[in-house]
Amino acid sequence: MSATKASREIARVMAAYNYELVRAKRHQVWQHKHTGHRVITSATPSDHRALANITARAIRGNQSLSRRLSVKP
């Protein structure tokens, strides 16, 4: 997968999980629209597992935040 195609795929996945791009230079910083959770990805992922790992980080981040927000002391 080329770097451009990988970046497009990452943008598609992050948009599906309600993340928006905050800034991009050497890394891309994505922030969740509602919770503010941030996920940092490389600008040009070279690993064949990069898309799966980024997706997992986005899902894990949302789950942990929703658990923390739903717990009442």
Protein backbone atom coordinates (compact mmCIF):
# COMPACT_ATOMS: atom_id res chain seq x y z
CA MET A 1 0.00 0.00 0.00
CA SER A 2 1.39 3.37 -0.97
CA ALA A 3 1.77 6.17 1.56
CA THR A 4 -0.95 8.25 -0.09
CA LYS A 5 -3.42 5.38 -0.14
CA ALA A 6 -2.61 4.55 3.48
CA SER A 7 -3.19 8.17 4.51
CA ARG A 8 -6.57 8.18 2.75
CA GLU A 9 -7.55 4.94 4.45
CA ILE A 10 -6.53 6.31 7.85
CA ALA A 11 -8.58 9.46 7.23
CA ARG A 12 -11.60 7.33 6.25
CA VAL A 13 -11.33 5.14 9.35
CA MET A 14 -10.83 8.08 11.70
CA ALA A 15 -13.83 9.91 10.23
CA ALA A 16 -15.93 6.78 10.77
CA TYR A 17 -15.02 6.90 14.48
CA ASN A 18 -15.76 10.67 14.75
CA TYR A 19 -12.16 11.86 14.83
CA GLU A 20 -11.06 15.03 13.06
CA LEU A 21 -7.56 15.99 11.98
CA VAL A 22 -6.14 18.64 14.33
CA ARG A 23 -2.74 19.03 12.69
CA ALA A 24 -0.36 17.23 10.38
CA LYS A 25 3.35 17.52 9.84
CA ARG A 26 5.57 14.54 10.63
CA HIS A 27 2.68 12.99 12.52
CA GLN A 28 -1.07 13.36 12.19
CA VAL A 29 -2.93 14.29 15.36
CA TRP A 30 -6.58 13.22 15.42
CA GLN A 31 -9.03 14.38 18.08
CA HIS A 32 -12.43 12.87 18.85
CA LYS A 33 -15.19 15.40 18.20
CA HIS A 34 -17.14 14.72 21.40
CA THR A 35 -14.72 13.34 24.00
CA GLY A 36 -11.49 15.12 23.03
CA HIS A 37 -9.47 11.87 23.00
CA ARG A 38 -6.38 12.19 20.83
CA VAL A 39 -4.75 9.58 18.61
CA ILE A 40 -1.37 10.30 17.04
CA THR A 41 -0.41 8.50 13.84
CA SER A 42 2.60 8.67 11.58
CA ALA A 43 2.20 10.79 8.48
CA THR A 44 3.41 7.97 6.23
CA PRO A 45 2.76 4.57 7.81
CA SER A 46 5.11 1.92 6.48
CA ASP A 47 3.98 -1.09 8.49
CA HIS A 48 1.51 -3.48 6.87
CA ARG A 49 -0.38 -3.60 10.20
CA ALA A 50 -0.50 0.19 10.63
CA LEU A 51 -4.14 0.63 9.64
CA ALA A 52 -5.30 -2.18 11.94
CA ASN A 53 -3.25 -0.82 14.84
CA ILE A 54 -4.56 2.73 14.37
CA THR A 55 -8.14 1.45 14.22
CA ALA A 56 -7.60 -0.53 17.42
CA ARG A 57 -6.18 2.54 19.19
CA ALA A 58 -9.19 4.64 18.16
CA ILE A 59 -11.63 1.99 19.39
CA ARG A 60 -9.75 1.39 22.66
CA GLY A 61 -9.55 5.11 23.35
CA ASN A 62 -13.28 5.56 22.87
CA GLN A 63 -14.10 2.58 25.06
CA SER A 64 -11.87 3.64 27.93
CA LEU A 65 -13.21 7.19 27.86
CA SER A 66 -16.82 6.06 27.80
CA ARG A 67 -16.17 3.79 30.79
CA ARG A 68 -14.54 6.63 32.72
CA LEU A 69 -17.36 9.02 31.89
CA SER A 70 -20.11 6.57 32.86
CA VAL A 71 -18.60 5.69 36.28
CA LYS A 72 -20.17 7.73 39.02
CA PRO A 73 -18.26 8.16 42.31
